[in-house]
Amino acid sequence: MPTVEVTHLGDDDFLLDVREIDEWRAGHARGAVHLPVSEFVARYDELSAAAPPNGRIHVICRSGGRSAQVTQYLIQRGVDAVNVAGGMQVWAATGRPVVTERDEPGQVL
């Protein structure tokens, strides 16, 4: 499973958050695209439209389990995808901003 540490992510890296809606609303990485794992297969076309052509997709969830499943799914379809190790818990712990949909300070559920 290709994995990347939060500390190696750049501001311009494409980040896909696969947590559920309540988790997303509580707080997420600024600029991330949200596509819940429970709806991922049905809404896959939305990812294709949002992701940069031929770009890497960095997949994140709370701790890394759900994002690993989505990463594997993407890799099986020939997509350049990596799992973000430790997920949003590590994101927040390293001091990266967590925001709500109103761009106010958020929290990781």
Protein backbone atom coordinates (compact mmCIF):
# COMPACT_ATOMS: atom_id res chain seq x y z
CA MET A 1 0.00 0.00 0.00
CA PRO A 2 1.59 3.29 -1.06
CA THR A 3 1.58 5.63 1.92
CA VAL A 4 2.63 9.21 2.55
CA GLU A 5 3.24 10.96 5.84
CA VAL A 6 1.21 14.09 6.58
CA THR A 7 4.44 16.04 6.93
CA HIS A 8 5.34 15.24 3.32
CA LEU A 9 2.15 16.71 1.85
CA GLY A 10 2.38 20.02 0.07
CA ASP A 11 -0.23 22.75 -0.07
CA ASP A 12 -0.98 21.97 -3.73
CA ASP A 13 -1.39 18.20 -3.29
CA PHE A 14 -4.85 16.87 -4.15
CA LEU A 15 -6.46 15.58 -0.93
CA LEU A 16 -9.52 13.31 -0.93
CA ASP A 17 -11.32 13.02 2.42
CA VAL A 18 -13.41 9.84 2.62
CA ARG A 19 -14.84 10.33 6.12
CA GLU A 20 -18.58 10.50 6.67
CA ILE A 21 -20.53 13.77 6.54
CA ASP A 22 -20.64 14.34 10.32
CA GLU A 23 -16.87 13.98 10.51
CA TRP A 24 -16.39 16.32 7.55
CA ARG A 25 -18.68 18.98 9.01
CA ALA A 26 -16.86 18.90 12.35
CA GLY A 27 -13.57 19.65 10.64
CA HIS A 28 -11.47 18.86 7.60
CA ALA A 29 -8.34 19.95 5.78
CA ARG A 30 -8.81 23.21 3.90
CA GLY A 31 -9.08 22.55 0.17
CA ALA A 32 -9.83 18.83 0.49
CA VAL A 33 -12.47 17.19 -1.68
CA HIS A 34 -15.10 15.23 0.26
CA LEU A 35 -16.44 11.92 -0.98
CA PRO A 36 -17.64 9.65 1.86
CA VAL A 37 -16.51 6.03 1.70
CA SER A 38 -20.14 4.90 2.08
CA GLU A 39 -20.98 6.65 -1.21
CA PHE A 40 -17.63 6.31 -2.94
CA VAL A 41 -18.43 3.75 -5.63
CA ALA A 42 -21.76 5.38 -6.54
CA ARG A 43 -20.15 8.85 -6.75
CA TYR A 44 -16.83 7.82 -8.32
CA ASP A 45 -17.44 10.05 -11.37
CA GLU A 46 -17.33 13.10 -9.10
CA LEU A 47 -13.77 12.22 -8.17
CA SER A 48 -12.82 11.85 -11.81
CA ALA A 49 -14.18 15.34 -12.47
CA ALA A 50 -12.44 16.93 -9.46
CA ALA A 51 -9.03 15.24 -9.51
CA PRO A 52 -6.20 16.69 -11.56
CA PRO A 53 -5.60 14.79 -14.81
CA ASN A 54 -2.76 12.31 -14.36
CA GLY A 55 -2.22 13.66 -10.83
CA ARG A 56 -1.74 11.80 -7.58
CA ILE A 57 -4.68 11.45 -5.21
CA HIS A 58 -3.84 11.57 -1.49
CA VAL A 59 -6.61 9.75 0.38
CA ILE A 60 -7.34 10.59 4.02
CA CYS A 61 -9.81 9.50 6.71
CA ARG A 62 -9.69 9.69 10.51
CA SER A 63 -6.86 7.26 11.14
CA GLY A 64 -6.01 5.52 7.86
CA GLY A 65 -8.25 2.44 7.65
CA ARG A 66 -11.02 3.65 5.36
CA SER A 67 -8.61 5.65 3.25
CA ALA A 68 -6.49 2.51 2.76
CA GLN A 69 -9.53 0.71 1.33
CA VAL A 70 -10.27 3.57 -1.07
CA THR A 71 -6.61 3.84 -2.03
CA GLN A 72 -6.57 0.15 -2.92
CA TYR A 73 -9.76 0.56 -4.97
CA LEU A 74 -8.20 3.44 -6.90
CA ILE A 75 -4.92 1.62 -7.51
CA GLN A 76 -6.82 -1.37 -8.91
CA ARG A 77 -8.34 1.03 -11.44
CA GLY A 78 -4.95 2.38 -12.49
CA VAL A 79 -5.15 5.62 -10.51
CA ASP A 80 -2.04 7.06 -8.87
CA ALA A 81 -3.26 7.08 -5.25
CA VAL A 82 -1.59 7.02 -1.83
CA ASN A 83 -2.94 6.58 1.67
CA VAL A 84 -2.21 9.37 4.16
CA ALA A 85 -0.68 7.66 7.20
CA GLY A 86 -2.49 8.36 10.45
CA GLY A 87 -5.24 10.35 8.75
CA MET A 88 -6.83 13.48 10.15
CA GLN A 89 -5.72 12.58 13.67
CA VAL A 90 -2.09 13.01 12.65
CA TRP A 91 -3.01 15.98 10.43
CA ALA A 92 -4.38 17.84 13.46
CA ALA A 93 -1.62 16.61 15.81
CA THR A 94 1.06 18.07 13.51
CA GLY A 95 -0.60 21.48 13.65
CA ARG A 96 -2.12 21.50 10.19
CA PRO A 97 -5.34 23.54 10.03
CA VAL A 98 -8.68 21.81 10.55
CA VAL A 99 -11.65 23.91 9.42
CA THR A 100 -15.42 23.71 9.17
CA GLU A 101 -17.42 24.40 6.01
CA ARG A 102 -17.55 28.05 7.16
CA ASP A 103 -13.73 28.11 7.29
CA GLU A 104 -13.81 28.39 11.07
CA PRO A 105 -11.59 26.29 13.36
CA GLY A 106 -12.82 22.70 13.41
CA GLN A 107 -12.06 19.46 15.17
CA VAL A 108 -11.42 15.86 14.20
CA LEU A 109 -14.12 13.45 15.35
